[in-house]
Amino acid sequence: MANYALRVPESLFEYARQVAEEEKVSMNQFFVTAIAEKVSALKTESYFRERMARGEAVGFDDWLRASPDELPQPGDELPG
């Protein structure tokens, strides 16, 4: 396990302390979870950008044409 001294503005630290207290977790756990969530979001964005770059609009259109012409399942309808 690595250690890292983190400098946090007082206002942000106080808010983080309040949230950690409300969630009944330690400050350490709160910061580690926040970092993990941010890393996960960035990695997910990167993954979808890579997938998008490999995609082809023509291939997608072919896939849609080959899909069965069925009504959406309950809950999958477009709004409006």
Protein backbone atom coordinates (compact mmCIF):
# COMPACT_ATOMS: atom_id res chain seq x y z
CA MET A 1 0.00 0.00 0.00
CA ALA A 2 1.38 3.40 -0.94
CA ASN A 3 1.15 6.63 1.03
CA TYR A 4 0.62 10.04 -0.52
CA ALA A 5 0.43 13.36 1.30
CA LEU A 6 -2.56 15.19 -0.14
CA ARG A 7 -3.07 18.94 0.12
CA VAL A 8 -6.78 19.76 0.07
CA PRO A 9 -8.41 23.20 0.30
CA GLU A 10 -10.09 23.64 3.69
CA SER A 11 -13.58 24.08 2.21
CA LEU A 12 -13.32 20.90 0.14
CA PHE A 13 -11.82 18.99 3.05
CA GLU A 14 -14.67 20.05 5.34
CA TYR A 15 -17.27 19.00 2.79
CA ALA A 16 -15.51 15.65 2.29
CA ARG A 17 -15.40 15.17 6.07
CA GLN A 18 -19.14 15.80 6.31
CA VAL A 19 -19.93 13.37 3.50
CA ALA A 20 -17.64 10.69 4.96
CA GLU A 21 -19.36 11.11 8.31
CA GLU A 22 -22.81 10.84 6.70
CA GLU A 23 -21.72 7.70 4.83
CA LYS A 24 -20.16 6.32 8.03
CA VAL A 25 -16.76 5.74 6.42
CA SER A 26 -13.29 6.96 7.29
CA MET A 27 -11.77 9.91 5.45
CA ASN A 28 -9.20 7.51 4.01
CA GLN A 29 -11.91 5.23 2.64
CA PHE A 30 -13.82 8.21 1.27
CA PHE A 31 -10.77 9.56 -0.60
CA VAL A 32 -9.77 6.13 -1.92
CA THR A 33 -13.32 5.50 -3.16
CA ALA A 34 -13.49 8.94 -4.79
CA ILE A 35 -10.19 8.34 -6.59
CA ALA A 36 -11.33 4.87 -7.70
CA GLU A 37 -14.60 6.29 -9.07
CA LYS A 38 -12.75 8.97 -11.06
CA VAL A 39 -10.23 6.48 -12.46
CA SER A 40 -13.08 4.16 -13.42
CA ALA A 41 -14.95 6.97 -15.20
CA LEU A 42 -11.85 7.99 -17.17
CA LYS A 43 -11.06 4.40 -18.13
CA THR A 44 -14.67 3.83 -19.23
CA GLU A 45 -14.61 6.96 -21.37
CA SER A 46 -11.33 5.83 -22.94
CA TYR A 47 -12.75 2.36 -23.63
CA PHE A 48 -15.80 3.73 -25.43
CA ARG A 49 -13.69 6.19 -27.45
CA GLU A 50 -11.51 3.28 -28.61
CA ARG A 51 -14.60 1.23 -29.48
CA MET A 52 -16.11 4.18 -31.36
CA ALA A 53 -12.92 4.63 -33.40
CA ARG A 54 -13.13 0.98 -34.54
CA GLY A 55 -16.79 1.21 -35.51
CA GLU A 56 -18.13 1.71 -39.01
CA ALA A 57 -21.42 3.43 -39.78
CA VAL A 58 -22.03 1.10 -42.75
CA GLY A 59 -21.57 -1.95 -40.55
CA PHE A 60 -23.97 -0.53 -37.98
CA ASP A 61 -26.60 0.15 -40.65
CA ASP A 62 -26.21 -3.44 -41.93
CA TRP A 63 -26.61 -4.73 -38.39
CA LEU A 64 -29.79 -2.68 -37.89
CA ARG A 65 -31.28 -3.94 -41.16
CA ALA A 66 -30.57 -7.53 -40.11
CA SER A 67 -32.20 -7.04 -36.71
CA PRO A 68 -35.73 -8.37 -36.29
CA ASP A 69 -38.49 -5.81 -36.73
CA GLU A 70 -40.07 -6.09 -33.29
CA LEU A 71 -41.61 -3.67 -30.85
CA PRO A 72 -39.37 -2.61 -27.94
CA GLN A 73 -39.63 -4.56 -24.73
CA PRO A 74 -41.54 -2.84 -21.92
CA GLY A 75 -39.40 -0.06 -20.49
CA ASP A 76 -37.26 0.30 -23.65
CA GLU A 77 -39.68 2.58 -25.52
CA LEU A 78 -38.52 5.99 -26.71
CA PRO A 79 -40.05 8.84 -24.71
CA GLY A 80 -42.68 11.04 -26.31
